[in-house]
C-alpha atoms as a PDB file:
ATOM      1  CA  MET A   1      89.013 124.138  86.357  1.00  0.00           C
ATOM      2  CA  ASN A   2      86.321 122.052  88.117  1.00  0.00           C
ATOM      3  CA  VAL A   3      83.686 123.594  85.982  1.00  0.00           C
ATOM      4  CA  LEU A   4      85.161 121.893  82.905  1.00  0.00           C
ATOM      5  CA  VAL A   5      84.064 118.570  84.412  1.00  0.00           C
ATOM      6  CA  PHE A   6      80.432 119.857  83.952  1.00  0.00           C
ATOM      7  CA  LEU A   7      80.782 121.943  80.661  1.00  0.00           C
ATOM      8  CA  ILE A   8      82.548 119.320  78.560  1.00  0.00           C
ATOM      9  CA  PRO A   9      79.979 116.546  79.057  1.00  0.00           C
ATOM     10  CA  THR A  10      77.118 118.999  78.717  1.00  0.00           C
ATOM     11  CA  ALA A  11      78.607 120.152  75.301  1.00  0.00           C
ATOM     12  CA  LEU A  12      79.172 116.725  74.157  1.00  0.00           C
ATOM     13  CA  LEU A  13      75.406 115.840  74.996  1.00  0.00           C
ATOM     14  CA  LEU A  14      73.992 118.870  73.299  1.00  0.00           C
ATOM     15  CA  GLY A  15      76.001 118.102  70.295  1.00  0.00           C
ATOM     16  CA  PHE A  16      74.825 114.558  70.203  1.00  0.00           C
ATOM     17  CA  ILE A  17      71.214 115.702  70.613  1.00  0.00           C
ATOM     18  CA  GLY A  18      71.749 118.047  67.723  1.00  0.00           C
ATOM     19  CA  LEU A  19      73.205 115.272  65.593  1.00  0.00           C
ATOM     20  CA  LEU A  20      70.289 113.025  66.339  1.00  0.00           C
ATOM     21  CA  ALA A  21      67.849 115.801  65.465  1.00  0.00           C
ATOM     22  CA  PHE A  22      69.644 116.379  62.128  1.00  0.00           C
ATOM     23  CA  LEU A  23      69.658 112.588  61.310  1.00  0.00           C
ATOM     24  CA  TRP A  24      65.954 112.415  62.143  1.00  0.00           C
ATOM     25  CA  SER A  25      65.070 115.170  59.965  1.00  0.00           C
ATOM     26  CA  LEU A  26      67.051 113.539  56.996  1.00  0.00           C
ATOM     27  CA  LYS A  27      65.321 110.161  57.607  1.00  0.00           C
ATOM     28  CA  SER A  28      61.814 112.004  57.737  1.00  0.00           C
ATOM     29  CA  GLY A  29      62.278 113.574  54.329  1.00  0.00           C
ATOM     30  CA  GLN A  30      62.684 117.261  55.417  1.00  0.00           C
ATOM     31  CA  TYR A  31      65.341 118.045  52.706  1.00  0.00           C
ATOM     32  CA  ASP A  32      63.787 115.979  49.666  1.00  0.00           C
ATOM     33  CA  ASP A  33      62.185 118.832  47.948  1.00  0.00           C
ATOM     34  CA  LEU A  34      64.180 122.030  48.307  1.00  0.00           C
ATOM     35  CA  ASP A  35      62.914 123.672  45.047  1.00  0.00           C
ATOM     36  CA  GLY A  36      59.230 122.930  45.502  1.00  0.00           C
ATOM     37  CA  ALA A  37      58.397 125.653  48.053  1.00  0.00           C
ATOM     38  CA  ALA A  38      60.378 128.255  45.883  1.00  0.00           C
ATOM     39  CA  VAL A  39      58.149 127.412  42.887  1.00  0.00           C
ATOM     40  CA  ARG A  40      54.832 127.175  44.823  1.00  0.00           C
ATOM     41  CA  ILE A  41      55.248 130.741  46.168  1.00  0.00           C
ATOM     42  CA  LEU A  42      55.115 132.045  42.632  1.00  0.00           C
ATOM     43  CA  GLN A  43      51.904 130.345  41.527  1.00  0.00           C
ATOM     44  CA  ASP A  44      48.814 132.401  41.795  1.00  0.00           C
ATOM     45  CA  ASP A  45      46.288 129.478  42.034  1.00  0.00           C
ATOM     46  CA  ASP A  46      44.368 130.943  44.886  1.00  0.00           C
ATOM     47  CA  LEU A  47      43.489 134.393  43.111  1.00  0.00           C
ATOM     48  CA  LYS A  48      40.020 134.515  41.546  1.00  0.00           C
ATOM     49  CA  THR A  49      39.733 136.696  38.527  1.00  0.00           C
END
């Protein structure tokens, strides 16, 4: 039962860090262009013919 004294705050801290990382990624624009990479991979601009 004493181990819960350490595990519960650790779990809450890790969850809070994960939430902060997710909010930072939203603020920095990581999810703005979801379709751009899917379209760019199909373009053959780098091929020389």
